[in-house]
Amino acid sequence: MKILVIGGGGREHALVWKLAQSPRATQMWCAPGNAGIAGETVAANGSAVECVGIGAEDLPALLEFAREQQIDLTVVGPDNPLAMGIVDQFQAAGLRVWGPTQQAAQFESSKIFSQEFMDRNGVPTMKSASFTAAAEARAFAASLDGKCAVKADGLALGKGVLICNTPDEANAAIDQIMTDRAFGDAGSSVLIQELITGMEVSLHALCDGKTAKLFPSSQDHKRALDGDQGLNTGGMGTYSPVPFLSDEKLNEIANAVLEPWLAGCAAEGIDFRGMLYPGIMLTDDGLKVLEFNARFGDPETQVYLPRLENDLVDLFEASIDGTLDQHELRWSDQSAVCVVIASGGYPGSYEKGKVITGIADADALPGVKVFHAGTKLDDGNVVNAGGRVLGVTALGQGLQAARDLAYEAAAKIQFEGAFTRSDIAAKAL
């Protein structure tokens, strides 16, 4: 089977790494890929995974490449191509592709669509309202005493959410998104939600239009600095499973979210085939869905796929074909921890092109896999090319062992300006 993975981050490296282990894979490509993906090989025959210089949003070129190479399965990693309708275009060309259609991807590409769907269909969520005029948005924020989350409606690389605690902060956030257009056209309308407190967890469920197969629990660390300080990022690290969530409690949470969501999709004619990733807050008033994503989380993928014992090709095919009910997900009993190594200054501006050393030493530790996110090859050297550079993932018998190993491995990797959070998984221990 010829497989094409679209994207070039840590999530896509994890997808390539796992798909390449399938005995069904014979040739693999990734567009655009990164330095780590270029080092992967297909298990069945040892052939190298090839990185193709096509951007993830260059839909015409991706479609042409998939046709030319007669790709059997295309796997879409990032949110933007899904929002642009890549799945619809590939399907129209008679190609097999994994991921939600443009209509179904609205759960992520429009915060307002998602919130109104939850309100209509009884998915537990918080008080909210959407606005296209800044003055009305300010008035609603004031009614919440400024304690709110101000969200750009469209996609903003995981950074279009501003948390506010006072009216002044809320007004500044509304101006930043709607007037200054800090996130571009994503901020032409905003969603304002009441601010709630509690423990945040990530749910993932693989869907085939009628069945949703729940993944184990995981927890992301969104803020840039230790102690959940600093700016929001795409995620500075994660771990799985979450020890304070029993399987029973996880299923209870999932049923409260997935059952009304699936029923709502059926009632509204939304055929969702792909990965649903709800962000959930566990509050004193019960669980609330903060938002939906329509793809694998990053870095959650980097802790899920090392624990997954199924053939990922089989699962993606079942998701496309509507036969997930015939599969049971199987998971390692080991814990996984992923520590992200980021460029100095991230999520603000940062310098690129810094030579990275120690990756091979870290990778050589038993139980460790270094997933590349923002890297590229430059004159034979691996250099940083993005804000989140590497995801150092370790498996261990228990969370403490996995965490210790992940940090031991991360300490072997160096480049100018590199930083990590030192408290990934600490609150679970």
Protein backbone atom coordinates (compact mmCIF):
# COMPACT_ATOMS: atom_id res chain seq x y z
CA MET A 1 0.00 0.00 0.00
CA LYS A 2 1.27 3.48 -0.93
CA ILE A 3 0.62 6.03 1.83
CA LEU A 4 0.89 9.83 1.82
CA VAL A 5 0.84 11.80 5.09
CA ILE A 6 0.14 15.54 4.85
CA GLY A 7 1.83 17.92 7.29
CA GLY A 8 5.25 18.52 8.75
CA GLY A 9 4.97 18.71 12.55
CA GLY A 10 5.41 16.42 15.53
CA ARG A 11 1.94 14.95 15.08
CA GLU A 12 2.78 14.01 11.49
CA HIS A 13 6.12 12.49 12.48
CA ALA A 14 4.27 10.29 14.99
CA LEU A 15 1.70 9.33 12.33
CA VAL A 16 4.41 8.46 9.80
CA TRP A 17 6.37 6.47 12.39
CA LYS A 18 3.30 4.43 13.38
CA LEU A 19 1.91 3.91 9.85
CA ALA A 20 5.37 2.80 8.65
CA GLN A 21 5.19 -0.10 11.14
CA SER A 22 2.17 -1.58 9.37
CA PRO A 23 2.92 -4.73 7.34
CA ARG A 24 0.52 -3.28 4.74
CA ALA A 25 2.69 -0.21 4.06
CA THR A 26 5.12 -0.61 1.13
CA GLN A 27 5.94 3.01 0.15
CA MET A 28 5.43 6.23 2.10
CA TRP A 29 5.68 9.95 1.45
CA CYS A 30 5.13 13.00 3.65
CA ALA A 31 4.39 16.52 2.40
CA PRO A 32 6.24 18.62 3.40
CA GLY A 33 7.66 16.48 6.24
CA ASN A 34 10.69 17.42 8.36
CA ALA A 35 14.22 16.21 9.19
CA GLY A 36 13.00 13.42 11.48
CA ILE A 37 10.37 12.11 9.08
CA ALA A 38 13.06 11.93 6.38
CA GLY A 39 14.92 9.47 8.61
CA GLU A 40 12.04 6.97 8.95
CA THR A 41 11.83 3.69 7.03
CA VAL A 42 8.97 1.36 6.09
CA ALA A 43 9.13 -1.77 8.28
CA ALA A 44 7.93 -4.20 5.59
CA ASN A 45 10.81 -3.59 3.17
CA GLY A 46 13.19 -0.99 4.66
CA SER A 47 12.41 1.63 2.02
CA ALA A 48 12.94 5.25 3.10
CA VAL A 49 10.01 7.57 3.78
CA GLU A 50 10.34 10.38 1.23
CA CYS A 51 9.64 14.01 2.11
CA VAL A 52 8.01 15.94 -0.73
CA GLY A 53 8.42 19.71 -1.02
CA ILE A 54 4.70 20.50 -1.20
CA GLY A 55 3.07 22.65 1.48
CA ALA A 56 0.16 21.19 3.46
CA GLU A 57 -2.17 23.90 2.11
CA ASP A 58 -1.18 23.55 -1.57
CA LEU A 59 -4.22 21.41 -2.33
CA PRO A 60 -3.88 21.33 -6.16
CA ALA A 61 -0.24 20.18 -5.99
CA LEU A 62 -1.04 17.57 -3.31
CA LEU A 63 -3.90 16.19 -5.39
CA GLU A 64 -1.71 16.04 -8.50
CA PHE A 65 1.04 14.23 -6.58
CA ALA A 66 -1.40 11.69 -5.11
CA ARG A 67 -2.78 10.97 -8.59
CA GLU A 68 0.66 10.64 -10.18
CA GLN A 69 1.96 8.27 -7.50
CA GLN A 70 -1.36 6.36 -7.37
CA ILE A 71 -1.51 6.80 -3.58
CA ASP A 72 -3.75 4.21 -1.88
CA LEU A 73 -4.30 6.13 1.37
CA THR A 74 -3.78 9.80 2.22
CA VAL A 75 -3.73 10.80 5.91
CA VAL A 76 -4.31 14.49 6.69
CA GLY A 77 -2.62 15.73 9.88
CA PRO A 78 -3.19 19.51 10.29
CA ASP A 79 -6.40 21.50 10.67
CA ASN A 80 -5.96 24.04 7.84
CA PRO A 81 -6.11 21.64 4.85
CA LEU A 82 -9.17 19.98 6.43
CA ALA A 83 -10.88 23.37 6.78
CA MET A 84 -10.00 24.11 3.14
CA GLY A 85 -11.79 20.95 1.98
CA ILE A 86 -8.86 18.68 1.04
CA VAL A 87 -10.88 15.57 1.91
CA ASP A 88 -13.75 16.62 -0.38
CA GLN A 89 -11.33 17.28 -3.25
CA PHE A 90 -9.52 13.95 -2.88
CA GLN A 91 -12.81 12.06 -2.60
CA ALA A 92 -14.14 13.80 -5.72
CA ALA A 93 -11.01 12.56 -7.53
CA GLY A 94 -11.74 8.99 -6.41
CA LEU A 95 -8.87 8.86 -3.89
CA ARG A 96 -9.04 7.31 -0.41
CA VAL A 97 -8.32 9.90 2.24
CA TRP A 98 -8.60 9.90 6.04
CA GLY A 99 -9.98 12.98 7.80
CA PRO A 100 -13.27 14.89 8.09
CA THR A 101 -14.88 16.69 5.16
CA GLN A 102 -14.99 20.49 5.06
CA GLN A 103 -18.50 20.47 6.54
CA ALA A 104 -17.46 18.16 9.39
CA ALA A 105 -14.20 20.06 9.98
CA GLN A 106 -16.28 23.12 10.97
CA PHE A 107 -16.25 21.73 14.52
CA GLU A 108 -12.72 23.14 14.62
CA SER A 109 -12.62 25.72 11.86
CA SER A 110 -15.49 27.73 13.39
CA LYS A 111 -15.69 28.14 17.16
CA ILE A 112 -19.14 29.70 16.71
CA PHE A 113 -20.49 26.78 14.63
CA SER A 114 -19.18 24.37 17.25
CA GLN A 115 -20.63 26.30 20.21
CA GLU A 116 -24.06 26.66 18.61
CA PHE A 117 -24.07 22.94 17.75
CA MET A 118 -23.35 22.11 21.41
CA ASP A 119 -26.10 24.44 22.60
CA ARG A 120 -28.61 22.88 20.16
CA ASN A 121 -27.74 19.28 20.94
CA GLY A 122 -27.28 19.24 24.70
CA VAL A 123 -23.50 18.82 24.79
CA PRO A 124 -22.42 20.15 28.22
CA THR A 125 -20.70 23.51 27.75
CA MET A 126 -20.52 26.99 29.25
CA LYS A 127 -22.49 30.22 28.82
CA SER A 128 -21.38 32.01 25.67
CA ALA A 129 -22.29 34.37 22.84
CA SER A 130 -20.79 35.28 19.47
CA PHE A 131 -20.27 38.71 17.93
CA THR A 132 -19.23 40.45 14.74
CA ALA A 133 -19.20 43.92 16.36
CA ALA A 134 -16.61 44.81 19.00
CA ALA A 135 -18.95 47.09 21.00
CA GLU A 136 -21.49 44.29 21.53
CA ALA A 137 -18.68 41.88 22.43
CA ARG A 138 -17.42 44.34 25.08
CA ALA A 139 -20.91 44.65 26.57
CA PHE A 140 -21.26 40.86 26.91
CA ALA A 141 -17.78 40.56 28.43
CA ALA A 142 -18.75 43.26 30.93
CA SER A 143 -21.84 41.21 31.90
CA LEU A 144 -19.39 38.46 32.91
CA ASP A 145 -17.30 40.98 34.93
CA GLY A 146 -14.55 40.46 32.36
CA LYS A 147 -14.03 36.86 33.49
CA CYS A 148 -14.14 35.20 30.09
CA ALA A 149 -12.32 33.46 27.27
CA VAL A 150 -12.24 35.52 24.07
CA LYS A 151 -11.81 33.27 21.03
CA ALA A 152 -11.19 34.14 17.39
CA ASP A 153 -13.88 32.26 15.43
CA GLY A 154 -11.52 30.79 12.83
CA LEU A 155 -8.26 28.82 12.93
CA ALA A 156 -5.33 30.52 14.68
CA LEU A 157 -2.71 27.77 15.17
CA GLY A 158 -4.00 27.00 18.66
CA LYS A 159 -3.22 30.54 19.84
CA GLY A 160 -6.48 32.41 19.13
CA VAL A 161 -7.81 32.09 22.69
CA LEU A 162 -7.21 34.89 25.20
CA ILE A 163 -8.06 34.29 28.87
CA CYS A 164 -9.30 37.39 30.72
CA ASN A 165 -10.00 38.12 34.39
CA THR A 166 -11.02 41.81 34.30
CA PRO A 167 -13.11 44.06 32.02
CA ASP A 168 -9.93 45.86 30.91
CA GLU A 169 -8.29 42.57 29.93
CA ALA A 170 -11.42 41.49 28.06
CA ASN A 171 -11.63 44.79 26.15
CA ALA A 172 -7.95 44.55 25.23
CA ALA A 173 -8.44 40.96 24.01
CA ILE A 174 -11.47 41.93 21.90
CA ASP A 175 -9.50 44.83 20.37
CA GLN A 176 -6.50 42.59 19.70
CA ILE A 177 -8.61 40.01 17.86
CA MET A 178 -11.30 42.13 16.17
CA THR A 179 -9.65 45.53 15.62
CA ASP A 180 -5.93 44.79 15.37
CA ARG A 181 -6.64 41.43 13.65
CA ALA A 182 -3.79 39.71 15.52
CA PHE A 183 -5.02 36.40 14.07
CA GLY A 184 -6.03 37.73 10.64
CA ASP A 185 -9.44 36.88 9.20
CA ALA A 186 -9.98 34.33 12.01
CA GLY A 187 -10.90 37.37 14.14
CA SER A 188 -13.67 38.83 11.97
CA SER A 189 -16.04 37.38 14.56
CA VAL A 190 -15.43 36.26 18.12
CA LEU A 191 -16.89 33.79 20.59
CA ILE A 192 -16.92 34.85 24.23
CA GLN A 193 -17.35 32.16 26.86
CA GLU A 194 -17.68 32.50 30.62
CA LEU A 195 -14.45 31.62 32.38
CA ILE A 196 -14.60 28.35 34.26
CA THR A 197 -12.01 26.71 36.48
CA GLY A 198 -11.09 23.10 36.99
CA MET A 199 -8.83 20.38 35.62
CA GLU A 200 -8.47 20.32 31.84
CA VAL A 201 -8.16 17.00 30.00
CA SER A 202 -7.97 15.98 26.34
CA LEU A 203 -10.40 13.42 24.94
CA HIS A 204 -9.79 11.75 21.59
CA ALA A 205 -12.26 9.57 19.73
CA LEU A 206 -11.79 7.92 16.34
CA CYS A 207 -15.04 8.23 14.37
CA ASP A 208 -16.52 6.60 11.26
CA GLY A 209 -19.79 8.52 10.84
CA LYS A 210 -21.77 6.46 13.35
CA THR A 211 -19.32 4.93 15.86
CA ALA A 212 -16.83 6.73 18.11
CA LYS A 213 -13.95 4.71 19.61
CA LEU A 214 -12.53 6.40 22.69
CA PHE A 215 -8.77 6.79 23.22
CA PRO A 216 -7.24 6.72 26.73
CA SER A 217 -6.98 9.90 28.79
CA SER A 218 -4.19 12.42 28.28
CA GLN A 219 -3.37 15.89 29.55
CA ASP A 220 -1.70 18.70 27.58
CA HIS A 221 0.26 21.63 29.01
CA LYS A 222 -0.70 24.70 26.97
CA ARG A 223 1.13 27.55 28.74
CA ALA A 224 4.73 28.25 27.76
CA LEU A 225 6.24 28.34 31.24
CA ASP A 226 6.34 26.23 34.40
CA GLY A 227 3.34 26.39 36.71
CA ASP A 228 1.00 27.14 33.78
CA GLN A 229 2.43 30.65 33.43
CA GLY A 230 3.19 32.57 30.24
CA LEU A 231 1.39 32.67 26.92
CA ASN A 232 -0.73 29.93 25.37
CA THR A 233 1.18 27.69 22.97
CA GLY A 234 0.32 24.77 20.72
CA GLY A 235 1.30 22.52 23.66
CA MET A 236 4.54 22.17 25.64
CA GLY A 237 4.15 18.53 26.60
CA THR A 238 1.67 15.85 27.51
CA TYR A 239 1.24 12.50 29.21
CA SER A 240 -1.06 9.48 29.09
CA PRO A 241 -2.91 8.00 30.89
CA VAL A 242 -4.15 10.53 33.46
CA PRO A 243 -3.97 8.80 36.89
CA PHE A 244 -6.81 10.78 38.50
CA LEU A 245 -9.27 9.59 35.80
CA SER A 246 -10.39 5.97 36.18
CA ASP A 247 -11.56 4.11 33.06
CA GLU A 248 -15.06 4.21 34.52
CA LYS A 249 -14.91 8.00 34.98
CA LEU A 250 -13.41 8.46 31.51
CA ASN A 251 -16.26 6.48 29.92
CA GLU A 252 -18.79 8.45 31.92
CA ILE A 253 -17.30 11.73 30.64
CA ALA A 254 -17.11 10.39 27.08
CA ASN A 255 -20.75 9.28 27.10
CA ALA A 256 -21.88 12.71 28.33
CA VAL A 257 -20.06 14.29 25.38
CA LEU A 258 -20.04 11.73 22.56
CA GLU A 259 -23.63 10.46 22.80
CA PRO A 260 -25.31 13.88 22.30
CA TRP A 261 -22.60 14.81 19.78
CA LEU A 262 -23.20 11.67 17.66
CA ALA A 263 -26.97 12.14 17.91
CA GLY A 264 -26.60 15.78 16.85
CA CYS A 265 -24.44 14.83 13.87
CA ALA A 266 -27.02 12.25 12.77
CA ALA A 267 -29.89 14.74 13.17
CA GLU A 268 -28.06 17.50 11.26
CA GLY A 269 -26.64 15.32 8.48
CA ILE A 270 -22.97 15.70 9.47
CA ASP A 271 -20.95 12.62 8.46
CA PHE A 272 -17.83 12.91 10.63
CA ARG A 273 -15.07 10.42 9.74
CA GLY A 274 -11.77 11.18 11.40
CA MET A 275 -10.51 12.18 14.84
CA LEU A 276 -12.69 14.19 17.20
CA TYR A 277 -10.66 15.87 19.93
CA PRO A 278 -12.75 17.72 22.53
CA GLY A 279 -11.00 19.84 25.15
CA ILE A 280 -12.80 19.27 28.45
CA MET A 281 -12.79 21.07 31.79
CA LEU A 282 -13.75 19.10 34.90
CA THR A 283 -15.47 21.68 37.13
CA ASP A 284 -17.36 21.63 40.44
CA ASP A 285 -20.54 21.84 38.31
CA GLY A 286 -19.60 18.80 36.23
CA LEU A 287 -17.75 18.57 32.94
CA LYS A 288 -17.86 21.28 30.25
CA VAL A 289 -16.62 21.06 26.67
CA LEU A 290 -14.32 24.02 25.98
CA GLU A 291 -14.04 23.38 22.24
CA PHE A 292 -13.82 20.67 19.59
CA ASN A 293 -10.88 19.91 17.33
CA ALA A 294 -11.25 17.84 14.18
CA ARG A 295 -7.84 16.11 14.10
CA PHE A 296 -5.26 14.52 16.38
CA GLY A 297 -3.88 16.77 19.09
CA ASP A 298 -0.24 17.77 18.97
CA PRO A 299 1.58 16.69 21.19
CA GLU A 300 -1.11 14.19 22.33
CA THR A 301 -0.45 12.06 19.22
CA GLN A 302 3.14 11.60 20.41
CA VAL A 303 1.96 9.82 23.60
CA TYR A 304 -1.01 7.97 22.10
CA LEU A 305 0.66 6.25 19.15
CA PRO A 306 3.56 4.70 21.12
CA ARG A 307 0.91 3.14 23.42
CA LEU A 308 -1.39 1.98 20.58
CA GLU A 309 -1.00 -1.73 19.76
CA ASN A 310 -3.36 -1.86 16.74
CA ASP A 311 -2.26 -1.47 13.12
CA LEU A 312 -3.04 2.21 12.44
CA VAL A 313 -3.64 1.54 8.73
CA ASP A 314 -6.45 -0.88 9.65
CA LEU A 315 -8.04 1.69 11.97
CA PHE A 316 -7.91 4.53 9.43
CA GLU A 317 -9.42 2.27 6.75
CA ALA A 318 -12.23 1.29 9.14
CA SER A 319 -12.82 4.97 9.92
CA ILE A 320 -13.18 5.70 6.20
CA ASP A 321 -15.36 2.63 5.52
CA GLY A 322 -17.70 2.93 8.50
CA THR A 323 -16.59 -0.37 10.04
CA LEU A 324 -15.02 0.78 13.32
CA ASP A 325 -17.57 -1.26 15.28
CA GLN A 326 -15.63 -4.35 14.13
CA HIS A 327 -12.41 -3.20 15.84
CA GLU A 328 -11.33 -3.05 19.47
CA LEU A 329 -8.58 -0.59 20.36
CA ARG A 330 -5.66 -2.18 22.22
CA TRP A 331 -3.28 -0.16 24.41
CA SER A 332 0.01 -0.79 26.20
CA ASP A 333 -0.27 -0.65 29.99
CA GLN A 334 2.83 1.58 30.03
CA SER A 335 2.65 5.33 30.63
CA ALA A 336 3.94 7.81 28.06
CA VAL A 337 5.31 11.32 28.63
CA CYS A 338 6.24 13.82 25.90
CA VAL A 339 8.42 16.83 26.72
CA VAL A 340 8.51 19.52 24.02
CA ILE A 341 11.80 21.31 23.34
CA ALA A 342 11.01 24.78 21.98
CA SER A 343 12.93 27.66 20.40
CA GLY A 344 13.84 30.56 22.67
CA GLY A 345 11.12 33.23 22.47
CA TYR A 346 8.31 30.85 21.44
CA PRO A 347 5.34 31.43 21.18
CA GLY A 348 6.59 34.92 20.25
CA SER A 349 9.36 35.55 17.73
CA TYR A 350 12.37 33.25 17.72
CA GLU A 351 15.52 32.63 15.69
CA LYS A 352 15.76 29.71 13.26
CA GLY A 353 18.70 27.79 11.86
CA LYS A 354 20.32 26.81 15.18
CA VAL A 355 22.23 23.51 14.90
CA ILE A 356 20.76 20.76 17.14
CA THR A 357 22.98 18.15 18.79
CA GLY A 358 22.27 15.05 20.85
CA ILE A 359 19.15 13.73 19.09
CA ALA A 360 20.76 10.36 18.30
CA ASP A 361 21.96 10.00 21.91
CA ALA A 362 18.45 10.64 23.21
CA ASP A 363 16.87 8.30 20.65
CA ALA A 364 19.30 5.54 21.64
CA LEU A 365 17.83 5.26 25.16
CA PRO A 366 15.50 2.22 25.41
CA GLY A 367 11.87 3.36 25.51
CA VAL A 368 12.58 6.79 24.00
CA LYS A 369 11.44 8.20 20.64
CA VAL A 370 12.30 11.75 19.59
CA PHE A 371 9.61 13.15 17.31
CA HIS A 372 10.63 16.10 15.14
CA ALA A 373 8.27 19.07 14.84
CA GLY A 374 10.03 22.25 13.68
CA THR A 375 13.23 20.87 12.16
CA LYS A 376 14.91 20.77 8.77
CA LEU A 377 18.20 19.57 7.29
CA ASP A 378 20.72 22.30 6.48
CA ASP A 379 24.09 21.29 5.04
CA GLY A 380 23.90 17.90 6.74
CA ASN A 381 22.92 19.36 10.12
CA VAL A 382 19.51 19.20 11.79
CA VAL A 383 18.47 22.80 12.62
CA ASN A 384 15.43 24.37 14.26
CA ALA A 385 12.83 25.66 11.80
CA GLY A 386 9.82 26.27 14.06
CA GLY A 387 8.66 27.23 17.54
CA ARG A 388 8.11 23.72 18.85
CA VAL A 389 11.19 21.86 17.67
CA LEU A 390 11.17 18.34 19.14
CA GLY A 391 8.86 16.15 21.21
CA VAL A 392 10.92 13.81 23.38
CA THR A 393 8.63 10.88 24.21
CA ALA A 394 9.32 8.09 26.68
CA LEU A 395 7.43 4.94 27.69
CA GLY A 396 7.77 3.61 31.21
CA GLN A 397 6.14 1.31 33.72
CA GLY A 398 4.22 4.02 35.55
CA LEU A 399 4.13 7.78 35.08
CA GLN A 400 7.15 8.59 37.26
CA ALA A 401 9.40 6.23 35.29
CA ALA A 402 8.21 7.59 31.94
CA ARG A 403 8.64 11.17 33.12
CA ASP A 404 12.16 10.58 34.47
CA LEU A 405 13.19 8.92 31.20
CA ALA A 406 11.71 11.69 29.04
CA TYR A 407 13.64 14.37 30.93
CA GLU A 408 16.84 12.28 30.92
CA ALA A 409 16.56 12.05 27.13
CA ALA A 410 15.63 15.72 26.67
CA ALA A 411 18.74 16.75 28.66
CA LYS A 412 20.94 15.15 25.97
CA ILE A 413 19.59 17.49 23.25
CA GLN A 414 20.96 21.00 22.85
CA PHE A 415 20.73 24.04 20.61
CA GLU A 416 21.09 27.76 21.23
CA GLY A 417 18.02 29.17 23.01
CA ALA A 418 16.34 25.80 23.56
CA PHE A 419 13.91 25.55 26.48
CA THR A 420 11.46 23.08 28.00
CA ARG A 421 8.92 23.18 30.79
CA SER A 422 10.32 21.27 33.77
CA ASP A 423 6.90 20.30 35.17
CA ILE A 424 5.27 18.12 32.49
CA ALA A 425 3.07 15.54 34.28
CA ALA A 426 4.08 16.96 37.69
CA LYS A 427 0.52 17.77 38.78
CA ALA A 428 -0.47 14.14 38.15
CA LEU A 429 2.23 12.97 40.54
